[in-house]
Amino acid sequence: MKRTGNLWDTLVSWENLHEAARRAALGKKRRSDVAAFVLNQEAELVALRSELKDRIYEPGPYRQFHVNDPKPRLISAAAFRDRVVHHALTQVLEPVFECCFARDSYACRTGLGTHQAVAAARRAAARFPYVLKCDVRKYFPSIDHSLLMDLLERKIKCRRTLELAGLIIAGSNPQEEVLHYFPGDTLFTPGMRRRGLPLGNQTSQFLANIYLDPLDQFVKRELKTAAYIRYVDDFLLFGGTKEELWAARKRLVERLDGLRLMLHEGKSRVYRCSEGVTFLGWRIFPNRARLVRGNVVRFRRRMREMRNSFHDGRMEWFAVQQRVRSWIGHAMQGDTVFLRSRIFDQFPFDRSAADRWCGAGVGTTIHPTSGCPTGTTTNRRTGTTTWVSGVPGK
């Protein structure tokens, strides 16, 4: 396998660091640490570049917090200057690995994502009667640092770039304890191997794709499954019979042993496509896709919170519309027209509060496709009432 070298000069170049700072700040410029860095960006990048070139750069501590939606997770937030380094590293590594990644891996890749993965799953469910759904147990806490570095070294021969990647990986804060034994292990092996990548790091998402790329290649080249779709640690294999998929599952377990990973026993089994399979928040059938109940419950909760915040003056209509449109864009990937109408009818925005939207008493509900207000509007000066379609330009 051909290895790529001479990446370091590109990594520490002004152009790469400036672009890394821009990407790291996207959507976060109002945060105090990001604003402070951006305000003094040139000096910050000069210092950061000097530390990298002199090999004295050291990652800072992580800020940790827990989220419970949709399930409990430990999120680790690196300092902003460290996030700039993370982006600078991945910007030079991505072109090297992207050309080798399987087309069936959809997470955190340009031009791909959840919507494309769901669309591919819908097409496969319409073609095949059975699907094997798999989930890797505690994936991010289980990623083995030594095996991950081996995978990086197979493609990269630039020693300083590898040292920086190793520094970031080794600097990962302790994750959830995972105690698994694999063939050849002794009693003390799990305690001797460093593992775990922090959820929240930009590098973690990219490295997670590298770590499971051998699995993608195994499925496509050895199992030769008719249809395969992976999004991070959730993946689907479609086939014509239950027997072939159960046999594939057995071989997957053996292959994952080599990566020191385990399938989640309760979530990895064969389903009839006609009965539906849950994937990325959707219940996918051969001829339709529905949002899972938890997704709908969470959005109803957010709608209630947004409506109350808007009516109390704590939230601008622009922010409401942004969040609503984001969810509509996701929900439109399935058969959710009536669901969207019911939800928006359930959470009207009253006319008095709506005066803040555009200076008049605009409608009461949100259009289920555009996210715009829909209903009637009254001109306060003339008293004239007109219809607002909810569709921009109409």
Protein backbone atom coordinates (compact mmCIF):
# COMPACT_ATOMS: atom_id res chain seq x y z
CA MET A 1 0.00 0.00 0.00
CA LYS A 2 1.39 3.39 -1.01
CA ARG A 3 1.97 5.74 1.93
CA THR A 4 1.72 9.53 1.83
CA GLY A 5 4.45 11.77 3.26
CA ASN A 6 5.49 15.44 3.39
CA LEU A 7 2.28 16.64 5.03
CA TRP A 8 3.78 18.68 7.85
CA ASP A 9 4.53 21.87 5.94
CA THR A 10 0.97 21.93 4.63
CA LEU A 11 -0.41 21.23 8.11
CA VAL A 12 1.36 24.19 9.75
CA SER A 13 0.95 26.58 6.81
CA TRP A 14 -0.84 29.89 7.38
CA GLU A 15 -3.53 28.96 4.87
CA ASN A 16 -4.33 25.68 6.62
CA LEU A 17 -4.38 27.22 10.11
CA HIS A 18 -6.57 30.15 9.02
CA GLU A 19 -9.04 27.78 7.37
CA ALA A 20 -8.99 25.56 10.48
CA ALA A 21 -9.79 28.56 12.69
CA ARG A 22 -12.64 29.57 10.38
CA ARG A 23 -14.17 26.09 10.42
CA ALA A 24 -13.75 25.69 14.16
CA ALA A 25 -15.57 29.00 14.77
CA LEU A 26 -18.57 28.27 12.53
CA GLY A 27 -21.78 28.74 14.51
CA LYS A 28 -19.86 29.43 17.74
CA LYS A 29 -18.62 33.03 17.42
CA ARG A 30 -20.86 34.25 20.24
CA ARG A 31 -19.15 32.01 22.78
CA SER A 32 -16.70 33.89 24.98
CA ASP A 33 -13.66 31.66 24.33
CA VAL A 34 -14.25 31.68 20.57
CA ALA A 35 -14.81 35.45 20.49
CA ALA A 36 -11.61 36.06 22.46
CA PHE A 37 -9.59 33.89 20.05
CA VAL A 38 -11.11 35.50 16.93
CA LEU A 39 -10.56 39.02 18.32
CA ASN A 40 -6.83 38.31 18.59
CA GLN A 41 -6.66 35.65 15.88
CA GLU A 42 -3.41 36.59 14.16
CA ALA A 43 -1.41 36.57 17.39
CA GLU A 44 -3.11 33.36 18.53
CA LEU A 45 -2.27 31.59 15.28
CA VAL A 46 1.33 32.85 15.37
CA ALA A 47 1.75 31.35 18.86
CA LEU A 48 -0.01 28.12 17.89
CA ARG A 49 2.08 27.71 14.73
CA SER A 50 5.27 28.32 16.67
CA GLU A 51 4.33 25.67 19.25
CA LEU A 52 3.56 23.14 16.53
CA LYS A 53 6.80 23.79 14.60
CA ASP A 54 8.91 23.65 17.77
CA ARG A 55 7.15 20.45 18.93
CA ILE A 56 6.11 22.01 22.23
CA TYR A 57 2.37 22.03 21.59
CA GLU A 58 0.38 20.28 24.34
CA PRO A 59 -3.42 19.77 24.25
CA GLY A 60 -5.31 21.42 27.10
CA PRO A 61 -7.85 19.82 29.43
CA TYR A 62 -11.37 18.95 28.31
CA ARG A 63 -14.58 20.45 29.62
CA GLN A 64 -16.97 17.57 30.30
CA PHE A 65 -20.75 17.45 30.58
CA HIS A 66 -23.50 14.86 30.21
CA VAL A 67 -26.47 14.89 27.88
CA ASN A 68 -29.47 12.58 28.17
CA ASP A 69 -31.23 13.16 24.85
CA PRO A 70 -31.87 10.64 23.37
CA LYS A 71 -29.65 8.57 25.71
CA PRO A 72 -27.01 9.35 28.35
CA ARG A 73 -23.69 10.40 26.83
CA LEU A 74 -20.50 12.01 28.10
CA ILE A 75 -19.55 14.97 25.89
CA SER A 76 -15.99 16.30 26.01
CA ALA A 77 -15.30 19.82 24.72
CA ALA A 78 -11.70 20.73 23.93
CA ALA A 79 -10.38 24.28 24.31
CA PHE A 80 -10.92 26.34 21.17
CA ARG A 81 -7.22 26.54 20.24
CA ASP A 82 -7.09 22.74 20.42
CA ARG A 83 -10.11 22.52 18.14
CA VAL A 84 -8.22 24.65 15.62
CA VAL A 85 -5.40 22.09 15.70
CA HIS A 86 -7.93 19.26 15.27
CA HIS A 87 -9.30 20.88 12.12
CA ALA A 88 -5.81 21.62 10.82
CA LEU A 89 -4.89 17.94 11.20
CA THR A 90 -8.02 16.50 9.61
CA GLN A 91 -7.81 18.95 6.69
CA VAL A 92 -4.56 17.34 5.57
CA LEU A 93 -5.52 13.75 6.44
CA GLU A 94 -8.99 13.69 4.87
CA PRO A 95 -7.83 13.84 1.22
CA VAL A 96 -5.46 10.93 1.88
CA PHE A 97 -8.12 8.65 3.37
CA GLU A 98 -11.25 9.86 1.57
CA CYS A 99 -10.26 8.28 -1.73
CA CYS A 100 -9.95 4.89 0.01
CA PHE A 101 -13.12 4.95 2.11
CA ALA A 102 -15.99 2.73 1.03
CA ARG A 103 -18.89 4.55 -0.62
CA ASP A 104 -21.20 2.82 1.88
CA SER A 105 -19.90 4.81 4.88
CA TYR A 106 -22.08 7.92 5.23
CA ALA A 107 -21.05 9.68 8.47
CA CYS A 108 -19.08 12.95 8.56
CA ARG A 109 -18.20 12.93 4.86
CA THR A 110 -18.62 15.73 2.32
CA GLY A 111 -21.73 15.18 0.19
CA LEU A 112 -23.00 12.39 2.43
CA GLY A 113 -24.81 12.27 5.78
CA THR A 114 -27.91 10.99 7.54
CA HIS A 115 -30.35 11.92 4.77
CA GLN A 116 -28.33 10.09 2.12
CA ALA A 117 -27.96 7.07 4.43
CA VAL A 118 -31.70 6.92 5.09
CA ALA A 119 -32.45 7.26 1.36
CA ALA A 120 -30.07 4.39 0.58
CA ALA A 121 -31.69 2.26 3.30
CA ARG A 122 -35.15 2.95 1.84
CA ARG A 123 -33.99 1.87 -1.61
CA ALA A 124 -32.44 -1.32 -0.23
CA ALA A 125 -35.52 -2.13 1.87
CA ALA A 126 -37.62 -1.97 -1.30
CA ARG A 127 -35.32 -4.48 -3.05
CA PHE A 128 -34.58 -7.09 -0.39
CA PRO A 129 -36.84 -9.02 2.02
CA TYR A 130 -34.44 -9.19 5.00
CA VAL A 131 -32.00 -6.89 6.76
CA LEU A 132 -29.33 -7.48 9.41
CA LYS A 133 -29.11 -4.47 11.70
CA CYS A 134 -25.92 -4.18 13.76
CA ASP A 135 -24.74 -1.82 16.47
CA VAL A 136 -21.23 -1.77 17.95
CA ARG A 137 -21.35 -1.85 21.73
CA LYS A 138 -19.88 1.33 23.32
CA TYR A 139 -18.01 2.18 20.14
CA PHE A 140 -16.16 5.41 20.99
CA PRO A 141 -15.06 4.26 24.48
CA SER A 142 -13.80 0.98 22.91
CA ILE A 143 -11.56 2.37 20.15
CA ASP A 144 -8.09 0.97 20.78
CA HIS A 145 -5.34 3.62 20.54
CA SER A 146 -2.61 1.24 19.38
CA LEU A 147 -4.74 -0.27 16.61
CA LEU A 148 -5.86 3.20 15.50
CA MET A 149 -2.26 4.39 15.20
CA ASP A 150 -1.43 1.27 13.17
CA LEU A 151 -4.22 2.17 10.73
CA LEU A 152 -2.90 5.73 10.42
CA GLU A 153 0.66 4.50 9.81
CA ARG A 154 -0.50 2.26 6.97
CA LYS A 155 -1.39 5.36 4.94
CA ILE A 156 0.81 8.13 6.42
CA LYS A 157 4.61 8.17 6.56
CA CYS A 158 5.04 11.82 7.63
CA ARG A 159 6.52 11.32 11.09
CA ARG A 160 5.66 14.74 12.54
CA THR A 161 2.06 14.49 11.37
CA LEU A 162 1.78 11.07 12.98
CA GLU A 163 3.31 12.44 16.19
CA LEU A 164 0.64 15.17 16.34
CA ALA A 165 -2.14 12.64 15.68
CA GLY A 166 -0.70 10.41 18.40
CA LEU A 167 -0.51 13.36 20.80
CA ILE A 168 -4.19 14.16 20.27
CA ILE A 169 -5.23 10.51 20.59
CA ALA A 170 -3.12 9.91 23.70
CA GLY A 171 -4.42 13.20 25.17
CA SER A 172 -7.99 11.92 25.11
CA ASN A 173 -9.63 12.26 28.50
CA PRO A 174 -10.74 9.04 30.27
CA GLN A 175 -13.95 7.66 28.80
CA GLU A 176 -16.55 5.23 30.07
CA GLU A 177 -14.85 2.08 31.36
CA VAL A 178 -15.17 -0.84 28.92
CA LEU A 179 -14.00 -4.28 30.02
CA HIS A 180 -14.01 -6.75 27.12
CA TYR A 181 -11.84 -9.82 26.56
CA PHE A 182 -10.88 -11.03 23.09
CA PRO A 183 -9.10 -14.13 21.78
CA GLY A 184 -5.48 -14.19 22.99
CA ASP A 185 -6.04 -11.80 25.91
CA THR A 186 -4.66 -12.49 29.37
CA LEU A 187 -6.36 -11.43 32.59
CA PHE A 188 -4.53 -8.10 32.51
CA THR A 189 -4.71 -7.25 28.79
CA PRO A 190 -7.77 -4.91 28.94
CA GLY A 191 -6.14 -2.86 31.69
CA MET A 192 -2.89 -2.54 29.74
CA ARG A 193 -4.38 -1.18 26.50
CA ARG A 194 -5.34 2.51 26.26
CA ARG A 195 -8.68 3.06 24.53
CA GLY A 196 -11.47 5.57 24.01
CA LEU A 197 -11.99 8.74 21.96
CA PRO A 198 -13.97 11.69 23.34
CA LEU A 199 -17.40 12.42 21.89
CA GLY A 200 -17.36 16.04 20.77
CA ASN A 201 -13.94 16.15 19.09
CA GLN A 202 -13.87 16.84 15.37
CA THR A 203 -10.92 14.44 15.12
CA SER A 204 -12.91 11.69 16.88
CA GLN A 205 -15.52 11.63 14.11
CA PHE A 206 -12.87 11.36 11.41
CA LEU A 207 -10.76 8.79 13.27
CA ALA A 208 -13.89 6.73 13.96
CA ASN A 209 -14.36 6.36 10.20
CA ILE A 210 -10.75 5.26 9.78
CA TYR A 211 -11.10 2.70 12.56
CA LEU A 212 -14.10 0.95 10.97
CA ASP A 213 -12.87 1.19 7.38
CA PRO A 214 -11.40 -2.36 7.60
CA LEU A 215 -14.90 -3.56 8.45
CA ASP A 216 -16.32 -1.78 5.39
CA GLN A 217 -13.70 -3.39 3.15
CA PHE A 218 -14.37 -6.81 4.68
CA VAL A 219 -18.10 -6.55 4.03
CA LYS A 220 -17.67 -5.42 0.42
CA ARG A 221 -14.74 -7.67 -0.58
CA GLU A 222 -15.26 -10.86 1.41
CA LEU A 223 -18.91 -10.98 2.48
CA LYS A 224 -19.90 -9.32 -0.83
CA THR A 225 -23.23 -8.27 0.66
CA ALA A 226 -25.74 -7.04 -1.90
CA ALA A 227 -26.46 -3.81 0.01
CA TYR A 228 -24.52 -2.35 2.93
CA ILE A 229 -24.94 0.99 4.73
CA ARG A 230 -22.92 2.25 7.71
CA TYR A 231 -23.31 5.42 9.74
CA VAL A 232 -20.61 5.59 12.47
CA ASP A 233 -21.23 2.38 14.48
CA ASP A 234 -24.73 1.56 13.16
CA PHE A 235 -24.84 -0.50 9.98
CA LEU A 236 -27.27 -2.50 7.86
CA LEU A 237 -26.71 -5.51 5.60
CA PHE A 238 -29.54 -6.51 3.24
CA GLY A 239 -30.06 -9.96 1.75
CA GLY A 240 -32.45 -12.47 0.30
CA THR A 241 -32.57 -14.98 3.17
CA LYS A 242 -32.30 -15.01 6.93
CA GLU A 243 -29.68 -17.76 6.80
CA GLU A 244 -27.18 -15.77 4.76
CA LEU A 245 -27.53 -12.75 7.04
CA TRP A 246 -27.11 -14.78 10.24
CA ALA A 247 -24.01 -16.36 8.68
CA ALA A 248 -22.74 -12.86 7.83
CA ARG A 249 -23.33 -11.79 11.43
CA LYS A 250 -21.13 -14.63 12.68
CA ARG A 251 -18.29 -13.57 10.41
CA LEU A 252 -18.75 -9.93 11.41
CA VAL A 253 -18.25 -10.88 15.06
CA GLU A 254 -14.99 -12.60 14.14
CA ARG A 255 -13.77 -9.61 12.13
CA LEU A 256 -14.67 -7.15 14.89
CA ASP A 257 -12.65 -9.23 17.36
CA GLY A 258 -9.56 -8.11 15.42
CA LEU A 259 -10.56 -4.49 16.07
CA ARG A 260 -11.30 -5.25 19.73
CA LEU A 261 -14.96 -4.35 19.26
CA MET A 262 -18.17 -6.20 20.09
CA LEU A 263 -21.65 -6.15 18.60
CA HIS A 264 -24.48 -5.13 20.89
CA GLU A 265 -26.30 -8.43 21.37
CA GLY A 266 -29.74 -6.93 21.94
CA LYS A 267 -29.56 -4.59 18.94
CA SER A 268 -27.90 -6.80 16.32
CA ARG A 269 -30.32 -9.17 14.65
CA VAL A 270 -32.16 -9.98 11.42
CA TYR A 271 -35.50 -8.29 10.60
CA ARG A 272 -38.07 -8.65 7.86
CA CYS A 273 -38.04 -5.43 5.86
CA SER A 274 -41.84 -5.58 5.70
CA GLU A 275 -41.93 -5.27 9.51
CA GLY A 276 -39.65 -2.23 9.48
CA VAL A 277 -36.16 -1.61 10.83
CA THR A 278 -35.07 1.32 13.00
CA PHE A 279 -32.13 3.27 11.61
CA LEU A 280 -30.92 6.83 12.36
CA GLY A 281 -34.17 7.83 14.02
CA TRP A 282 -36.40 6.36 11.31
CA ARG A 283 -38.57 3.27 11.04
CA ILE A 284 -37.87 2.12 7.49
CA PHE A 285 -40.29 -0.06 5.48
CA PRO A 286 -40.15 -1.12 1.82
CA ASN A 287 -42.60 1.60 0.74
CA ARG A 288 -42.43 4.24 3.47
CA ALA A 289 -40.39 5.68 6.34
CA ARG A 290 -41.69 7.04 9.62
CA LEU A 291 -39.97 8.97 12.37
CA VAL A 292 -39.48 6.96 15.53
CA ARG A 293 -41.65 7.99 18.44
CA GLY A 294 -38.76 9.36 20.51
CA ASN A 295 -37.82 11.82 17.76
CA VAL A 296 -41.38 13.14 17.59
CA VAL A 297 -41.68 13.40 21.39
CA ARG A 298 -38.43 15.39 21.61
CA PHE A 299 -39.49 17.79 18.87
CA ARG A 300 -42.88 18.37 20.49
CA ARG A 301 -41.03 19.21 23.69
CA ARG A 302 -38.77 21.66 21.84
CA MET A 303 -41.77 23.26 20.11
CA ARG A 304 -43.44 23.82 23.48
CA GLU A 305 -40.26 25.37 24.89
CA MET A 306 -39.76 27.58 21.82
CA ARG A 307 -43.37 28.77 21.86
CA ASN A 308 -43.14 29.70 25.54
CA SER A 309 -39.77 31.42 25.07
CA PHE A 310 -41.07 33.36 22.08
CA HIS A 311 -44.22 34.51 23.84
CA ASP A 312 -42.14 35.61 26.86
CA GLY A 313 -39.81 37.61 24.64
CA ARG A 314 -36.80 35.40 25.36
CA MET A 315 -36.49 34.11 21.79
CA GLU A 316 -36.62 35.86 18.43
CA TRP A 317 -38.77 34.57 15.58
CA PHE A 318 -35.65 34.16 13.43
CA ALA A 319 -34.23 31.62 15.91
CA VAL A 320 -37.57 29.78 16.07
CA GLN A 321 -37.75 29.58 12.30
CA GLN A 322 -34.17 28.33 12.00
CA ARG A 323 -34.78 25.43 14.36
CA VAL A 324 -38.15 24.57 12.88
CA ARG A 325 -36.80 24.56 9.34
CA SER A 326 -33.92 22.33 10.38
CA TRP A 327 -36.34 19.75 11.77
CA ILE A 328 -38.63 20.06 8.73
CA GLY A 329 -35.64 19.37 6.47
CA HIS A 330 -35.01 16.18 8.43
CA ALA A 331 -38.66 15.14 8.65
CA MET A 332 -39.22 15.62 4.91
CA GLN A 333 -36.95 12.62 4.25
CA GLY A 334 -39.90 10.38 5.13
CA ASP A 335 -43.67 10.27 4.94
CA THR A 336 -44.47 12.93 7.52
CA VAL A 337 -46.79 15.46 5.88
CA PHE A 338 -49.73 14.82 8.21
CA LEU A 339 -47.43 14.52 11.24
CA ARG A 340 -45.91 17.94 10.57
CA SER A 341 -49.33 19.52 10.10
CA ARG A 342 -50.61 18.05 13.37
CA ILE A 343 -47.58 19.22 15.34
CA PHE A 344 -47.68 22.79 14.04
CA ASP A 345 -51.45 22.98 14.55
CA GLN A 346 -50.88 21.82 18.12
CA PHE A 347 -48.44 24.66 18.90
CA PRO A 348 -49.86 27.95 17.59
CA PHE A 349 -48.08 31.25 18.17
CA ASP A 350 -50.64 33.77 19.45
CA ARG A 351 -51.33 36.99 17.56
CA SER A 352 -50.12 39.40 20.22
CA ALA A 353 -46.71 37.75 20.40
CA ALA A 354 -46.64 37.43 16.63
CA ASP A 355 -46.51 41.24 16.32
CA ARG A 356 -42.75 40.85 16.75
CA TRP A 357 -42.42 38.72 13.62
CA CYS A 358 -42.96 41.51 11.11
CA GLY A 359 -44.81 44.32 12.87
CA ALA A 360 -48.35 42.97 12.32
CA GLY A 361 -50.62 40.28 13.69
CA VAL A 362 -49.37 37.41 11.56
CA GLY A 363 -51.21 34.04 11.47
CA THR A 364 -51.25 31.43 14.18
CA THR A 365 -49.45 28.35 12.87
CA ILE A 366 -46.29 27.33 11.02
CA HIS A 367 -46.35 26.00 7.48
CA PRO A 368 -45.31 22.29 7.58
CA THR A 369 -43.00 22.60 4.55
CA SER A 370 -41.47 26.10 4.60
CA GLY A 371 -41.46 26.81 8.34
CA CYS A 372 -43.01 30.22 7.63
CA PRO A 373 -46.03 31.62 9.52
CA THR A 374 -49.35 30.79 7.87
CA GLY A 375 -52.84 32.18 8.45
CA THR A 376 -54.05 35.77 8.31
CA THR A 377 -52.31 39.10 8.86
CA THR A 378 -53.96 42.38 9.80
CA ASN A 379 -52.49 45.75 8.86
CA ARG A 380 -52.71 47.84 12.05
CA ARG A 381 -53.00 51.14 10.14
CA THR A 382 -55.70 50.20 7.63
CA GLY A 383 -57.40 47.29 9.40
CA THR A 384 -57.14 45.22 6.19
CA THR A 385 -56.91 41.44 6.72
CA THR A 386 -55.04 39.32 4.16
CA TRP A 387 -53.97 35.67 3.90
CA VAL A 388 -50.35 34.61 4.51
CA SER A 389 -49.60 31.43 2.56
CA GLY A 390 -46.64 30.20 4.58
CA VAL A 391 -44.68 29.72 1.36
CA PRO A 392 -42.00 32.34 0.57
CA GLY A 393 -42.88 34.43 -2.47
CA LYS A 394 -46.63 33.63 -2.39
